[in-house]
PDB file of N, CA and C in Angstrom:
ATOM      1  N   MET A   1     111.935 122.230  38.489  1.00  0.00           N
ATOM      2  CA  MET A   1     112.282 121.944  39.873  1.00  0.00           C
ATOM      3  C   MET A   1     111.021 121.507  40.626  1.00  0.00           C
ATOM      4  N   ILE A   2     111.195 120.622  41.547  1.00  0.00           N
ATOM      5  CA  ILE A   2     110.099 120.102  42.358  1.00  0.00           C
ATOM      6  C   ILE A   2     109.693 121.147  43.390  1.00  0.00           C
ATOM      7  N   GLN A   3     108.396 121.330  43.542  1.00  0.00           N
ATOM      8  CA  GLN A   3     107.914 122.233  44.581  1.00  0.00           C
ATOM      9  C   GLN A   3     107.969 121.507  45.919  1.00  0.00           C
ATOM     10  N   LEU A   4     108.484 122.208  46.909  1.00  0.00           N
ATOM     11  CA  LEU A   4     108.631 121.625  48.234  1.00  0.00           C
ATOM     12  C   LEU A   4     107.419 121.923  49.097  1.00  0.00           C
ATOM     13  N   THR A   5     107.125 121.002  49.990  1.00  0.00           N
ATOM     14  CA  THR A   5     106.039 121.212  50.937  1.00  0.00           C
ATOM     15  C   THR A   5     106.503 122.177  52.017  1.00  0.00           C
ATOM     16  N   THR A   6     105.558 122.667  52.786  1.00  0.00           N
ATOM     17  CA  THR A   6     105.872 123.561  53.897  1.00  0.00           C
ATOM     18  C   THR A   6     106.794 122.871  54.893  1.00  0.00           C
ATOM     19  N   LYS A   7     106.552 121.602  55.126  1.00  0.00           N
ATOM     20  CA  LYS A   7     107.374 120.841  56.060  1.00  0.00           C
ATOM     21  C   LYS A   7     108.805 120.708  55.535  1.00  0.00           C
ATOM     22  N   GLU A   8     108.951 120.430  54.255  1.00  0.00           N
ATOM     23  CA  GLU A   8     110.292 120.327  53.664  1.00  0.00           C
ATOM     24  C   GLU A   8     111.026 121.660  53.722  1.00  0.00           C
ATOM     25  N   LEU A   9     110.322 122.748  53.447  1.00  0.00           N
ATOM     26  CA  LEU A   9     110.934 124.079  53.547  1.00  0.00           C
ATOM     27  C   LEU A   9     111.376 124.368  54.971  1.00  0.00           C
ATOM     28  N   SER A  10     110.560 123.955  55.923  1.00  0.00           N
ATOM     29  CA  SER A  10     110.907 124.146  57.329  1.00  0.00           C
ATOM     30  C   SER A  10     112.164 123.362  57.700  1.00  0.00           C
ATOM     31  N   PHE A  11     112.292 122.144  57.190  1.00  0.00           N
ATOM     32  CA  PHE A  11     113.501 121.346  57.445  1.00  0.00           C
ATOM     33  C   PHE A  11     114.740 122.030  56.885  1.00  0.00           C
ATOM     34  N   ILE A  12     114.610 122.606  55.689  1.00  0.00           N
ATOM     35  CA  ILE A  12     115.747 123.306  55.079  1.00  0.00           C
ATOM     36  C   ILE A  12     116.113 124.543  55.908  1.00  0.00           C
ATOM     37  N   GLU A  13     115.113 125.283  56.352  1.00  0.00           N
ATOM     38  CA  GLU A  13     115.375 126.453  57.205  1.00  0.00           C
ATOM     39  C   GLU A  13     116.077 126.039  58.496  1.00  0.00           C
ATOM     40  N   ASP A  14     115.645 124.933  59.084  1.00  0.00           N
ATOM     41  CA  ASP A  14     116.289 124.425  60.304  1.00  0.00           C
ATOM     42  C   ASP A  14     117.745 124.060  60.036  1.00  0.00           C
ATOM     43  N   GLU A  15     117.997 123.441  58.900  1.00  0.00           N
ATOM     44  CA  GLU A  15     119.364 123.055  58.545  1.00  0.00           C
ATOM     45  C   GLU A  15     120.233 124.291  58.320  1.00  0.00           C
ATOM     46  N   ILE A  16     119.671 125.309  57.709  1.00  0.00           N
ATOM     47  CA  ILE A  16     120.414 126.559  57.515  1.00  0.00           C
ATOM     48  C   ILE A  16     120.818 127.138  58.866  1.00  0.00           C
ATOM     49  N   ARG A  17     119.885 127.179  59.797  1.00  0.00           N
ATOM     50  CA  ARG A  17     120.195 127.699  61.140  1.00  0.00           C
ATOM     51  C   ARG A  17     121.276 126.853  61.817  1.00  0.00           C
ATOM     52  N   ALA A  18     121.182 125.540  61.688  1.00  0.00           N
ATOM     53  CA  ALA A  18     122.189 124.653  62.295  1.00  0.00           C
ATOM     54  C   ALA A  18     123.570 124.889  61.678  1.00  0.00           C
ATOM     55  N   GLU A  19     123.610 125.047  60.363  1.00  0.00           N
ATOM     56  CA  GLU A  19     124.889 125.307  59.683  1.00  0.00           C
ATOM     57  C   GLU A  19     125.461 126.662  60.092  1.00  0.00           C
ATOM     58  N   GLU A  20     124.595 127.662  60.262  1.00  0.00           N
ATOM     59  CA  GLU A  20     125.050 128.987  60.715  1.00  0.00           C
ATOM     60  C   GLU A  20     125.666 128.903  62.107  1.00  0.00           C
ATOM     61  N   ILE A  21     125.003 128.183  62.991  1.00  0.00           N
ATOM     62  CA  ILE A  21     125.516 128.022  64.354  1.00  0.00           C
ATOM     63  C   ILE A  21     126.849 127.290  64.340  1.00  0.00           C
ATOM     64  N   THR A  22     126.935 126.241  63.541  1.00  0.00           N
ATOM     65  CA  THR A  22     128.180 125.475  63.453  1.00  0.00           C
ATOM     66  C   THR A  22     129.305 126.335  62.896  1.00  0.00           C
ATOM     67  N   ALA A  23     129.023 127.113  61.851  1.00  0.00           N
ATOM     68  CA  ALA A  23     130.043 127.990  61.264  1.00  0.00           C
ATOM     69  C   ALA A  23     130.533 129.002  62.285  1.00  0.00           C
ATOM     70  N   LYS A  24     129.617 129.611  63.017  1.00  0.00           N
ATOM     71  CA  LYS A  24     129.993 130.599  64.034  1.00  0.00           C
ATOM     72  C   LYS A  24     130.795 129.950  65.159  1.00  0.00           C
ATOM     73  N   THR A  25     130.397 128.749  65.553  1.00  0.00           N
ATOM     74  CA  THR A  25     131.110 128.035  66.611  1.00  0.00           C
ATOM     75  C   THR A  25     132.539 127.696  66.179  1.00  0.00           C
ATOM     76  N   MET A  26     132.685 127.182  64.958  1.00  0.00           N
ATOM     77  CA  MET A  26     134.021 126.848  64.444  1.00  0.00           C
ATOM     78  C   MET A  26     134.894 128.104  64.338  1.00  0.00           C
ATOM     79  N   SER A  27     134.298 129.194  63.908  1.00  0.00           N
ATOM     80  CA  SER A  27     135.027 130.454  63.794  1.00  0.00           C
ATOM     81  C   SER A  27     135.478 130.939  65.169  1.00  0.00           C
ATOM     82  N   TRP A  28     134.582 130.850  66.154  1.00  0.00           N
ATOM     83  CA  TRP A  28     134.935 131.259  67.511  1.00  0.00           C
ATOM     84  C   TRP A  28     136.049 130.373  68.057  1.00  0.00           C
ATOM     85  N   CYS A  29     135.925 129.072  67.843  1.00  0.00           N
ATOM     86  CA  CYS A  29     136.960 128.140  68.319  1.00  0.00           C
ATOM     87  C   CYS A  29     138.308 128.484  67.687  1.00  0.00           C
ATOM     88  N   ALA A  30     138.299 128.800  66.401  1.00  0.00           N
ATOM     89  CA  ALA A  30     139.540 129.173  65.714  1.00  0.00           C
ATOM     90  C   ALA A  30     140.132 130.430  66.327  1.00  0.00           C
ATOM     91  N   SER A  31     139.284 131.373  66.686  1.00  0.00           N
ATOM     92  CA  SER A  31     139.783 132.621  67.270  1.00  0.00           C
ATOM     93  C   SER A  31     140.397 132.402  68.650  1.00  0.00           C
ATOM     94  N   GLN A  32     140.011 131.337  69.314  1.00  0.00           N
ATOM     95  CA  GLN A  32     140.534 131.035  70.649  1.00  0.00           C
ATOM     96  C   GLN A  32     141.775 130.147  70.607  1.00  0.00           C
ATOM     97  N   CYS A  33     142.041 129.587  69.453  1.00  0.00           N
ATOM     98  CA  CYS A  33     143.102 128.597  69.314  1.00  0.00           C
ATOM     99  C   CYS A  33     144.469 129.254  69.159  1.00  0.00           C
ATOM    100  N   LYS A  34     145.461 128.710  69.816  1.00  0.00           N
ATOM    101  CA  LYS A  34     146.831 129.223  69.736  1.00  0.00           C
ATOM    102  C   LYS A  34     147.671 128.444  68.714  1.00  0.00           C
ATOM    103  N   GLU A  35     147.343 127.189  68.474  1.00  0.00           N
ATOM    104  CA  GLU A  35     148.138 126.336  67.582  1.00  0.00           C
ATOM    105  C   GLU A  35     147.732 126.611  66.135  1.00  0.00           C
ATOM    106  N   ALA A  36     148.695 127.008  65.311  1.00  0.00           N
ATOM    107  CA  ALA A  36     148.426 127.480  63.948  1.00  0.00           C
ATOM    108  C   ALA A  36     147.735 126.436  63.066  1.00  0.00           C
ATOM    109  N   GLY A  37     148.181 125.196  63.119  1.00  0.00           N
ATOM    110  CA  GLY A  37     147.588 124.154  62.281  1.00  0.00           C
ATOM    111  C   GLY A  37     146.137 123.900  62.624  1.00  0.00           C
ATOM    112  N   LEU A  38     145.857 123.817  63.906  1.00  0.00           N
ATOM    113  CA  LEU A  38     144.483 123.597  64.353  1.00  0.00           C
ATOM    114  C   LEU A  38     143.617 124.803  64.031  1.00  0.00           C
ATOM    115  N   LYS A  39     144.178 126.004  64.215  1.00  0.00           N
ATOM    116  CA  LYS A  39     143.449 127.233  63.910  1.00  0.00           C
ATOM    117  C   LYS A  39     143.043 127.261  62.434  1.00  0.00           C
ATOM    118  N   GLU A  40     143.967 126.893  61.558  1.00  0.00           N
ATOM    119  CA  GLU A  40     143.680 126.860  60.117  1.00  0.00           C
ATOM    120  C   GLU A  40     142.599 125.832  59.795  1.00  0.00           C
ATOM    121  N   THR A  41     142.687 124.667  60.409  1.00  0.00           N
ATOM    122  CA  THR A  41     141.683 123.618  60.202  1.00  0.00           C
ATOM    123  C   THR A  41     140.299 124.095  60.633  1.00  0.00           C
ATOM    124  N   LEU A  42     140.237 124.757  61.768  1.00  0.00           N
ATOM    125  CA  LEU A  42     138.959 125.267  62.262  1.00  0.00           C
ATOM    126  C   LEU A  42     138.399 126.350  61.343  1.00  0.00           C
ATOM    127  N   HIS A  43     139.265 127.220  60.833  1.00  0.00           N
ATOM    128  CA  HIS A  43     138.817 128.244  59.882  1.00  0.00           C
ATOM    129  C   HIS A  43     138.261 127.594  58.617  1.00  0.00           C
ATOM    130  N   LYS A  44     138.930 126.544  58.139  1.00  0.00           N
ATOM    131  CA  LYS A  44     138.452 125.836  56.947  1.00  0.00           C
ATOM    132  C   LYS A  44     137.098 125.178  57.211  1.00  0.00           C
ATOM    133  N   MET A  45     136.933 124.619  58.400  1.00  0.00           N
ATOM    134  CA  MET A  45     135.659 124.000  58.756  1.00  0.00           C
ATOM    135  C   MET A  45     134.551 125.056  58.815  1.00  0.00           C
ATOM    136  N   ALA A  46     134.870 126.210  59.402  1.00  0.00           N
ATOM    137  CA  ALA A  46     133.892 127.300  59.470  1.00  0.00           C
ATOM    138  C   ALA A  46     133.494 127.744  58.075  1.00  0.00           C
ATOM    139  N   GLU A  47     134.485 127.890  57.189  1.00  0.00           N
ATOM    140  CA  GLU A  47     134.205 128.305  55.819  1.00  0.00           C
ATOM    141  C   GLU A  47     133.344 127.273  55.097  1.00  0.00           C
ATOM    142  N   SER A  48     133.614 126.005  55.321  1.00  0.00           N
ATOM    143  CA  SER A  48     132.832 124.941  54.707  1.00  0.00           C
ATOM    144  C   SER A  48     131.365 125.028  55.124  1.00  0.00           C
ATOM    145  N   HIS A  49     131.128 125.266  56.395  1.00  0.00           N
ATOM    146  CA  HIS A  49     129.751 125.376  56.888  1.00  0.00           C
ATOM    147  C   HIS A  49     129.095 126.658  56.368  1.00  0.00           C
ATOM    148  N   HIS A  50     129.873 127.718  56.255  1.00  0.00           N
ATOM    149  CA  HIS A  50     129.340 128.963  55.709  1.00  0.00           C
ATOM    150  C   HIS A  50     128.925 128.771  54.243  1.00  0.00           C
ATOM    151  N   LEU A  51     129.731 128.061  53.480  1.00  0.00           N
ATOM    152  CA  LEU A  51     129.388 127.782  52.087  1.00  0.00           C
ATOM    153  C   LEU A  51     128.126 126.930  51.988  1.00  0.00           C
ATOM    154  N   LYS A  52     127.938 126.025  52.938  1.00  0.00           N
ATOM    155  CA  LYS A  52     126.724 125.204  52.961  1.00  0.00           C
ATOM    156  C   LYS A  52     125.495 126.078  53.239  1.00  0.00           C
ATOM    157  N   VAL A  53     125.658 127.088  54.102  1.00  0.00           N
ATOM    158  CA  VAL A  53     124.562 128.028  54.364  1.00  0.00           C
ATOM    159  C   VAL A  53     124.168 128.729  53.064  1.00  0.00           C
ATOM    160  N   ILE A  54     125.163 129.189  52.328  1.00  0.00           N
ATOM    161  CA  ILE A  54     124.901 129.872  51.056  1.00  0.00           C
ATOM    162  C   ILE A  54     124.202 128.935  50.078  1.00  0.00           C
ATOM    163  N   GLU A  55     124.709 127.722  49.974  1.00  0.00           N
ATOM    164  CA  GLU A  55     124.122 126.744  49.058  1.00  0.00           C
ATOM    165  C   GLU A  55     122.665 126.440  49.414  1.00  0.00           C
ATOM    166  N   LEU A  56     122.410 126.194  50.695  1.00  0.00           N
ATOM    167  CA  LEU A  56     121.046 125.893  51.123  1.00  0.00           C
ATOM    168  C   LEU A  56     120.131 127.103  50.965  1.00  0.00           C
ATOM    169  N   SER A  57     120.641 128.281  51.257  1.00  0.00           N
ATOM    170  CA  SER A  57     119.842 129.502  51.108  1.00  0.00           C
ATOM    171  C   SER A  57     119.469 129.721  49.653  1.00  0.00           C
ATOM    172  N   ASN A  58     120.414 129.511  48.758  1.00  0.00           N
ATOM    173  CA  ASN A  58     120.128 129.644  47.329  1.00  0.00           C
ATOM    174  C   ASN A  58     119.069 128.636  46.894  1.00  0.00           C
ATOM    175  N   TYR A  59     119.191 127.409  47.362  1.00  0.00           N
ATOM    176  CA  TYR A  59     118.207 126.380  47.027  1.00  0.00           C
ATOM    177  C   TYR A  59     116.825 126.772  47.557  1.00  0.00           C
ATOM    178  N   LEU A  60     116.804 127.246  48.802  1.00  0.00           N
ATOM    179  CA  LEU A  60     115.542 127.651  49.411  1.00  0.00           C
ATOM    180  C   LEU A  60     114.932 128.817  48.647  1.00  0.00           C
ATOM    181  N   ASN A  61     115.731 129.776  48.263  1.00  0.00           N
ATOM    182  CA  ASN A  61     115.222 130.931  47.507  1.00  0.00           C
ATOM    183  C   ASN A  61     114.665 130.507  46.156  1.00  0.00           C
ATOM    184  N   ARG A  62     115.342 129.606  45.478  1.00  0.00           N
ATOM    185  CA  ARG A  62     114.835 129.107  44.197  1.00  0.00           C
ATOM    186  C   ARG A  62     113.504 128.379  44.385  1.00  0.00           C
ATOM    187  N   SER A  63     113.412 127.603  45.451  1.00  0.00           N
ATOM    188  CA  SER A  63     112.202 126.822  45.706  1.00  0.00           C
ATOM    189  C   SER A  63     111.028 127.717  46.074  1.00  0.00           C
ATOM    190  N   THR A  64     111.273 128.725  46.904  1.00  0.00           N
ATOM    191  CA  THR A  64     110.166 129.593  47.337  1.00  0.00           C
ATOM    192  C   THR A  64     109.738 130.533  46.232  1.00  0.00           C
ATOM    193  N   ASN A  65     110.623 130.845  45.296  1.00  0.00           N
ATOM    194  CA  ASN A  65     110.251 131.712  44.182  1.00  0.00           C
ATOM    195  C   ASN A  65     109.335 131.004  43.188  1.00  0.00           C
ATOM    196  N   LEU A  66     109.255 129.700  43.268  1.00  0.00           N
ATOM    197  CA  LEU A  66     108.386 128.955  42.357  1.00  0.00           C
ATOM    198  C   LEU A  66     106.936 128.948  42.802  1.00  0.00           C
ATOM    199  N   HIS A  67     106.696 129.238  44.064  1.00  0.00           N
ATOM    200  CA  HIS A  67     105.321 129.188  44.584  1.00  0.00           C
ATOM    201  C   HIS A  67     104.528 130.403  44.197  1.00  0.00           C
TER     202      HIS A  67
END
């Protein structure tokens, strides 16, 4: 695996934070929604962003463990 620079690691950390915020926002929106179809769509979007957080975190952990 390629070793990442400090700047690249910082970009990944920023993206993780952005994905976390988006996941929480989508989840909150779903909790406020009354229409079942839209609520389900928002929950799926939140889950998708949450999975991206996990994926990026795993990548970041693998990268930082190499240093």
